Amino acid sequence: GTVWQSLGNADDSSISRLQEGQCPTIAIAAGDVPFVAFNAQLGRTGPGEIRQMVRRLNGVTWETVREIQATNFTDRIQVAADNAGRPVIVWSAIAPGSDHRLNVERFNGASWILLAGGFGSLGGQGVGDYRFTVRPDGEVVVATFSGIGAGGQAVVAFRVNDNGASALGDATTRIIDQTGGGDGVTV
């Protein structure tokens, strides 16, 4: 049609409404089911907990299908759909006793399956901004900024499949570019 159709509000209709949300992404899964991933601060006022949320439209309302405790708003989450129409999420978080790392999960219709966790940091300084795509064969390809030493960052790509994560290329070729900054990445 010629008119945008509203899919409703992915905000929580309960008393614990979201106070603030950031960085939404959307994917259309099998059966034309939309999934939305975003960062949110819970609670109507005050310093509510920060969560990484994934919600899907069940035909009537938005329901939460994944909720991850976040440390702050530098943690990120994104969603896409694979060729089979399964939602895939990539999310970043601080690994216990470490730095920001990436995690990849695929939804099988009932639960989220971890494909790879705690990867992406090359120099112990964590990952920054990232983007990902899902290949027709289901492999997930992620490009990210990773700290590589005193003040330096590199653009690095990883592939994730049912066997886990691995860098694209070897120790020499996996660094696409070295920069001093860390602005947007496009895959």
C-alpha atoms as a PDB file:
ATOM      1  CA  GLY A   1       0.000   0.000   0.000  1.00  0.00           C
ATOM      2  CA  THR A   2       0.833   3.640   0.056  1.00  0.00           C
ATOM      3  CA  VAL A   3       0.500   4.159   3.803  1.00  0.00           C
ATOM      4  CA  TRP A   4       2.879   3.063   6.566  1.00  0.00           C
ATOM      5  CA  GLN A   5       1.231   0.529   8.838  1.00  0.00           C
ATOM      6  CA  SER A   6       1.872   0.789  12.571  1.00  0.00           C
ATOM      7  CA  LEU A   7       3.043  -2.410  14.249  1.00  0.00           C
ATOM      8  CA  GLY A   8       2.241  -1.042  17.673  1.00  0.00           C
ATOM      9  CA  ASN A   9       4.585   0.066  20.413  1.00  0.00           C
ATOM     10  CA  ALA A  10       7.461  -2.186  21.464  1.00  0.00           C
ATOM     11  CA  ASP A  11       7.474  -0.398  24.841  1.00  0.00           C
ATOM     12  CA  ASP A  12       6.434  -2.407  27.897  1.00  0.00           C
ATOM     13  CA  SER A  13       2.756  -1.933  28.778  1.00  0.00           C
ATOM     14  CA  SER A  14       3.329  -2.888  32.414  1.00  0.00           C
ATOM     15  CA  ILE A  15       4.207  -0.587  35.297  1.00  0.00           C
ATOM     16  CA  SER A  16       7.925  -1.136  34.547  1.00  0.00           C
ATOM     17  CA  ARG A  17       7.726   0.864  31.312  1.00  0.00           C
ATOM     18  CA  LEU A  18      10.951   1.722  29.584  1.00  0.00           C
ATOM     19  CA  GLN A  19      12.403   5.056  30.570  1.00  0.00           C
ATOM     20  CA  GLU A  20      14.888   5.391  27.738  1.00  0.00           C
ATOM     21  CA  GLY A  21      15.772   3.345  24.684  1.00  0.00           C
ATOM     22  CA  GLN A  22      18.626   3.498  22.183  1.00  0.00           C
ATOM     23  CA  CYS A  23      19.917   1.949  18.968  1.00  0.00           C
ATOM     24  CA  PRO A  24      16.898  -0.035  17.689  1.00  0.00           C
ATOM     25  CA  THR A  25      17.300  -2.530  14.852  1.00  0.00           C
ATOM     26  CA  ILE A  26      14.580  -4.634  13.227  1.00  0.00           C
ATOM     27  CA  ALA A  27      14.461  -7.931  11.348  1.00  0.00           C
ATOM     28  CA  ILE A  28      11.546  -9.705   9.704  1.00  0.00           C
ATOM     29  CA  ALA A  29      11.690 -13.405  10.546  1.00  0.00           C
ATOM     30  CA  ALA A  30       9.832 -16.382   9.058  1.00  0.00           C
ATOM     31  CA  GLY A  31       6.081 -15.833   8.848  1.00  0.00           C
ATOM     32  CA  ASP A  32       6.602 -12.048   8.515  1.00  0.00           C
ATOM     33  CA  VAL A  33       7.181 -11.789  12.267  1.00  0.00           C
ATOM     34  CA  PRO A  34       9.075  -8.613  13.212  1.00  0.00           C
ATOM     35  CA  PHE A  35      11.801  -8.764  15.861  1.00  0.00           C
ATOM     36  CA  VAL A  36      13.190  -5.537  17.369  1.00  0.00           C
ATOM     37  CA  ALA A  37      16.444  -5.297  19.358  1.00  0.00           C
ATOM     38  CA  PHE A  38      17.394  -2.245  21.406  1.00  0.00           C
ATOM     39  CA  ASN A  39      19.024  -0.976  24.584  1.00  0.00           C
ATOM     40  CA  ALA A  40      16.654   0.209  27.295  1.00  0.00           C
ATOM     41  CA  GLN A  41      16.648   1.657  30.754  1.00  0.00           C
ATOM     42  CA  LEU A  42      13.890   0.068  32.816  1.00  0.00           C
ATOM     43  CA  GLY A  43      11.534   1.932  35.126  1.00  0.00           C
ATOM     44  CA  ARG A  44       9.571   5.128  34.699  1.00  0.00           C
ATOM     45  CA  THR A  45      12.061   7.362  36.548  1.00  0.00           C
ATOM     46  CA  GLY A  46      15.372   7.197  38.310  1.00  0.00           C
ATOM     47  CA  PRO A  47      18.437   5.108  37.539  1.00  0.00           C
ATOM     48  CA  GLY A  48      16.718   1.933  36.352  1.00  0.00           C
ATOM     49  CA  GLU A  49      18.656  -1.101  35.189  1.00  0.00           C
ATOM     50  CA  ILE A  50      19.960  -1.023  31.641  1.00  0.00           C
ATOM     51  CA  ARG A  51      18.992  -4.015  29.513  1.00  0.00           C
ATOM     52  CA  GLN A  52      19.521  -5.240  25.985  1.00  0.00           C
ATOM     53  CA  MET A  53      16.077  -6.284  24.793  1.00  0.00           C
ATOM     54  CA  VAL A  54      14.713  -8.378  21.933  1.00  0.00           C
ATOM     55  CA  ARG A  55      10.967  -8.264  21.367  1.00  0.00           C
ATOM     56  CA  ARG A  56       8.755  -9.854  18.731  1.00  0.00           C
ATOM     57  CA  LEU A  57       5.252  -9.066  17.612  1.00  0.00           C
ATOM     58  CA  ASN A  58       3.116 -12.116  18.367  1.00  0.00           C
ATOM     59  CA  GLY A  59       0.244 -10.859  16.205  1.00  0.00           C
ATOM     60  CA  VAL A  60      -1.376  -8.887  19.013  1.00  0.00           C
ATOM     61  CA  THR A  61       1.296  -7.487  21.334  1.00  0.00           C
ATOM     62  CA  TRP A  62       5.067  -7.201  21.590  1.00  0.00           C
ATOM     63  CA  GLU A  63       6.608  -9.848  23.830  1.00  0.00           C
ATOM     64  CA  THR A  64      10.118  -9.972  25.242  1.00  0.00           C
ATOM     65  CA  VAL A  65      11.991 -13.014  23.937  1.00  0.00           C
ATOM     66  CA  ARG A  66      15.499 -12.086  25.130  1.00  0.00           C
ATOM     67  CA  GLU A  67      16.670  -9.759  27.888  1.00  0.00           C
ATOM     68  CA  ILE A  68      20.346  -9.294  28.735  1.00  0.00           C
ATOM     69  CA  GLN A  69      21.683  -7.314  31.691  1.00  0.00           C
ATOM     70  CA  ALA A  70      23.826  -4.452  30.368  1.00  0.00           C
ATOM     71  CA  THR A  71      26.598  -2.653  32.188  1.00  0.00           C
ATOM     72  CA  ASN A  72      25.958   0.712  30.500  1.00  0.00           C
ATOM     73  CA  PHE A  73      24.777   2.250  27.244  1.00  0.00           C
ATOM     74  CA  THR A  74      28.054   1.344  25.503  1.00  0.00           C
ATOM     75  CA  ASP A  75      26.772  -2.248  25.401  1.00  0.00           C
ATOM     76  CA  ARG A  76      24.959  -2.805  22.106  1.00  0.00           C
ATOM     77  CA  ILE A  77      22.597  -5.306  20.502  1.00  0.00           C
ATOM     78  CA  GLN A  78      21.516  -5.772  16.877  1.00  0.00           C
ATOM     79  CA  VAL A  79      19.184  -8.211  15.122  1.00  0.00           C
ATOM     80  CA  ALA A  80      18.980  -9.608  11.568  1.00  0.00           C
ATOM     81  CA  ALA A  81      17.320 -12.664  10.015  1.00  0.00           C
ATOM     82  CA  ASP A  82      19.103 -15.511   8.258  1.00  0.00           C
ATOM     83  CA  ASN A  83      17.988 -17.116   4.973  1.00  0.00           C
ATOM     84  CA  ALA A  84      15.768 -19.555   6.891  1.00  0.00           C
ATOM     85  CA  GLY A  85      14.003 -16.630   8.574  1.00  0.00           C
ATOM     86  CA  ARG A  86      15.583 -17.229  11.989  1.00  0.00           C
ATOM     87  CA  PRO A  87      16.513 -14.152  14.011  1.00  0.00           C
ATOM     88  CA  VAL A  88      20.198 -13.734  14.828  1.00  0.00           C
ATOM     89  CA  ILE A  89      21.466 -11.282  17.452  1.00  0.00           C
ATOM     90  CA  VAL A  90      24.935  -9.901  18.023  1.00  0.00           C
ATOM     91  CA  TRP A  91      25.454  -8.172  21.345  1.00  0.00           C
ATOM     92  CA  SER A  92      28.377  -6.679  23.193  1.00  0.00           C
ATOM     93  CA  ALA A  93      29.031  -6.652  26.906  1.00  0.00           C
ATOM     94  CA  ILE A  94      31.887  -6.480  29.344  1.00  0.00           C
ATOM     95  CA  ALA A  95      33.220  -9.963  30.014  1.00  0.00           C
ATOM     96  CA  PRO A  96      33.792 -10.577  33.761  1.00  0.00           C
ATOM     97  CA  GLY A  97      37.251  -9.332  34.685  1.00  0.00           C
ATOM     98  CA  SER A  98      37.942  -8.268  31.119  1.00  0.00           C
ATOM     99  CA  ASP A  99      36.774  -5.864  28.406  1.00  0.00           C
ATOM    100  CA  HIS A 100      33.949  -5.505  25.873  1.00  0.00           C
ATOM    101  CA  ARG A 101      33.436  -8.697  23.857  1.00  0.00           C
ATOM    102  CA  LEU A 102      30.945  -9.859  21.210  1.00  0.00           C
ATOM    103  CA  ASN A 103      28.369 -12.641  21.447  1.00  0.00           C
ATOM    104  CA  VAL A 104      26.260 -14.205  18.672  1.00  0.00           C
ATOM    105  CA  GLU A 105      22.992 -16.115  19.201  1.00  0.00           C
ATOM    106  CA  ARG A 106      20.364 -17.628  16.878  1.00  0.00           C
ATOM    107  CA  PHE A 107      16.693 -18.110  17.802  1.00  0.00           C
ATOM    108  CA  ASN A 108      15.365 -21.603  17.054  1.00  0.00           C
ATOM    109  CA  GLY A 109      11.705 -20.723  17.666  1.00  0.00           C
ATOM    110  CA  ALA A 110      11.792 -21.584  21.371  1.00  0.00           C
ATOM    111  CA  SER A 111      15.168 -20.455  22.731  1.00  0.00           C
ATOM    112  CA  TRP A 112      18.382 -18.634  21.850  1.00  0.00           C
ATOM    113  CA  ILE A 113      21.353 -20.818  20.878  1.00  0.00           C
ATOM    114  CA  LEU A 114      24.827 -19.362  21.561  1.00  0.00           C
ATOM    115  CA  LEU A 115      26.948 -19.631  18.402  1.00  0.00           C
ATOM    116  CA  ALA A 116      29.964 -17.764  19.809  1.00  0.00           C
ATOM    117  CA  GLY A 117      30.617 -15.840  22.985  1.00  0.00           C
ATOM    118  CA  GLY A 118      33.273 -13.534  24.380  1.00  0.00           C
ATOM    119  CA  PHE A 119      35.211 -12.862  21.166  1.00  0.00           C
ATOM    120  CA  GLY A 120      36.478  -9.874  19.199  1.00  0.00           C
ATOM    121  CA  SER A 121      39.062  -8.233  21.438  1.00  0.00           C
ATOM    122  CA  LEU A 122      42.574  -8.353  19.997  1.00  0.00           C
ATOM    123  CA  GLY A 123      44.584  -6.258  22.414  1.00  0.00           C
ATOM    124  CA  GLY A 124      42.716  -6.502  25.683  1.00  0.00           C
ATOM    125  CA  GLN A 125      41.001  -3.166  25.078  1.00  0.00           C
ATOM    126  CA  GLY A 126      37.673  -4.544  23.903  1.00  0.00           C
ATOM    127  CA  VAL A 127      35.480  -4.051  20.887  1.00  0.00           C
ATOM    128  CA  GLY A 128      33.767  -0.852  19.859  1.00  0.00           C
ATOM    129  CA  ASP A 129      31.152  -0.151  17.256  1.00  0.00           C
ATOM    130  CA  TYR A 130      30.245  -3.135  15.071  1.00  0.00           C
ATOM    131  CA  ARG A 131      27.965  -4.221  12.215  1.00  0.00           C
ATOM    132  CA  PHE A 132      27.047  -7.670  10.994  1.00  0.00           C
ATOM    133  CA  THR A 133      25.395  -9.526   8.166  1.00  0.00           C
ATOM    134  CA  VAL A 134      24.150 -13.091   7.758  1.00  0.00           C
ATOM    135  CA  ARG A 135      25.286 -14.958   4.645  1.00  0.00           C
ATOM    136  CA  PRO A 136      22.877 -17.216   2.707  1.00  0.00           C
ATOM    137  CA  ASP A 137      24.563 -20.291   4.259  1.00  0.00           C
ATOM    138  CA  GLY A 138      23.795 -18.986   7.782  1.00  0.00           C
ATOM    139  CA  GLU A 139      27.328 -17.848   8.579  1.00  0.00           C
ATOM    140  CA  VAL A 140      27.417 -14.544  10.484  1.00  0.00           C
ATOM    141  CA  VAL A 141      30.099 -12.020   9.495  1.00  0.00           C
ATOM    142  CA  VAL A 142      30.916  -9.233  11.968  1.00  0.00           C
ATOM    143  CA  ALA A 143      33.118  -6.172  11.418  1.00  0.00           C
ATOM    144  CA  THR A 144      34.194  -4.289  14.531  1.00  0.00           C
ATOM    145  CA  PHE A 145      36.700  -1.879  15.954  1.00  0.00           C
ATOM    146  CA  SER A 146      39.066  -3.588  18.378  1.00  0.00           C
ATOM    147  CA  GLY A 147      41.709  -2.014  20.594  1.00  0.00           C
ATOM    148  CA  ILE A 148      45.165  -3.236  19.586  1.00  0.00           C
ATOM    149  CA  GLY A 149      47.463  -1.445  21.974  1.00  0.00           C
ATOM    150  CA  ALA A 150      48.267   1.979  23.387  1.00  0.00           C
ATOM    151  CA  GLY A 151      45.643   4.255  21.862  1.00  0.00           C
ATOM    152  CA  GLY A 152      45.285   2.228  18.670  1.00  0.00           C
ATOM    153  CA  GLN A 153      42.267   0.583  17.115  1.00  0.00           C
ATOM    154  CA  ALA A 154      41.836  -1.687  14.131  1.00  0.00           C
ATOM    155  CA  VAL A 155      38.900  -2.651  11.958  1.00  0.00           C
ATOM    156  CA  VAL A 156      38.661  -6.423  12.227  1.00  0.00           C
ATOM    157  CA  ALA A 157      36.257  -8.966  10.701  1.00  0.00           C
ATOM    158  CA  PHE A 158      35.128 -12.269  12.198  1.00  0.00           C
ATOM    159  CA  ARG A 159      33.055 -15.137  10.881  1.00  0.00           C
ATOM    160  CA  VAL A 160      30.728 -17.085  13.152  1.00  0.00           C
ATOM    161  CA  ASN A 161      29.147 -20.420  12.302  1.00  0.00           C
ATOM    162  CA  ASP A 162      28.086 -23.527  14.189  1.00  0.00           C
ATOM    163  CA  ASN A 163      31.772 -24.108  15.039  1.00  0.00           C
ATOM    164  CA  GLY A 164      32.214 -20.748  16.819  1.00  0.00           C
ATOM    165  CA  ALA A 165      34.048 -17.554  15.867  1.00  0.00           C
ATOM    166  CA  SER A 166      37.236 -17.079  13.883  1.00  0.00           C
ATOM    167  CA  ALA A 167      38.973 -14.044  12.415  1.00  0.00           C
ATOM    168  CA  LEU A 168      38.731 -13.545   8.673  1.00  0.00           C
ATOM    169  CA  GLY A 169      42.307 -14.084   7.623  1.00  0.00           C
ATOM    170  CA  ASP A 170      45.376 -14.857   9.680  1.00  0.00           C
ATOM    171  CA  ALA A 171      47.153 -12.763  12.329  1.00  0.00           C
ATOM    172  CA  THR A 172      48.499 -10.490   9.579  1.00  0.00           C
ATOM    173  CA  THR A 173      45.512 -10.120   7.267  1.00  0.00           C
ATOM    174  CA  ARG A 174      42.677  -9.990   9.821  1.00  0.00           C
ATOM    175  CA  ILE A 175      43.364  -6.304  10.490  1.00  0.00           C
ATOM    176  CA  ILE A 176      41.535  -4.451   7.719  1.00  0.00           C
ATOM    177  CA  ASP A 177      42.699  -0.989   8.722  1.00  0.00           C
ATOM    178  CA  GLN A 178      44.386   0.655  11.672  1.00  0.00           C
ATOM    179  CA  THR A 179      42.960   3.937  12.823  1.00  0.00           C
ATOM    180  CA  GLY A 180      43.225   6.307  15.709  1.00  0.00           C
ATOM    181  CA  GLY A 181      39.436   6.664  15.979  1.00  0.00           C
ATOM    182  CA  GLY A 182      36.428   4.472  16.235  1.00  0.00           C
ATOM    183  CA  ASP A 183      33.536   5.919  14.250  1.00  0.00           C
ATOM    184  CA  GLY A 184      30.939   3.875  12.361  1.00  0.00           C
ATOM    185  CA  VAL A 185      31.554   0.555  10.629  1.00  0.00           C
ATOM    186  CA  THR A 186      29.504  -0.685   7.645  1.00  0.00           C
ATOM    187  CA  VAL A 187      29.362  -4.314   6.515  1.00  0.00           C
END
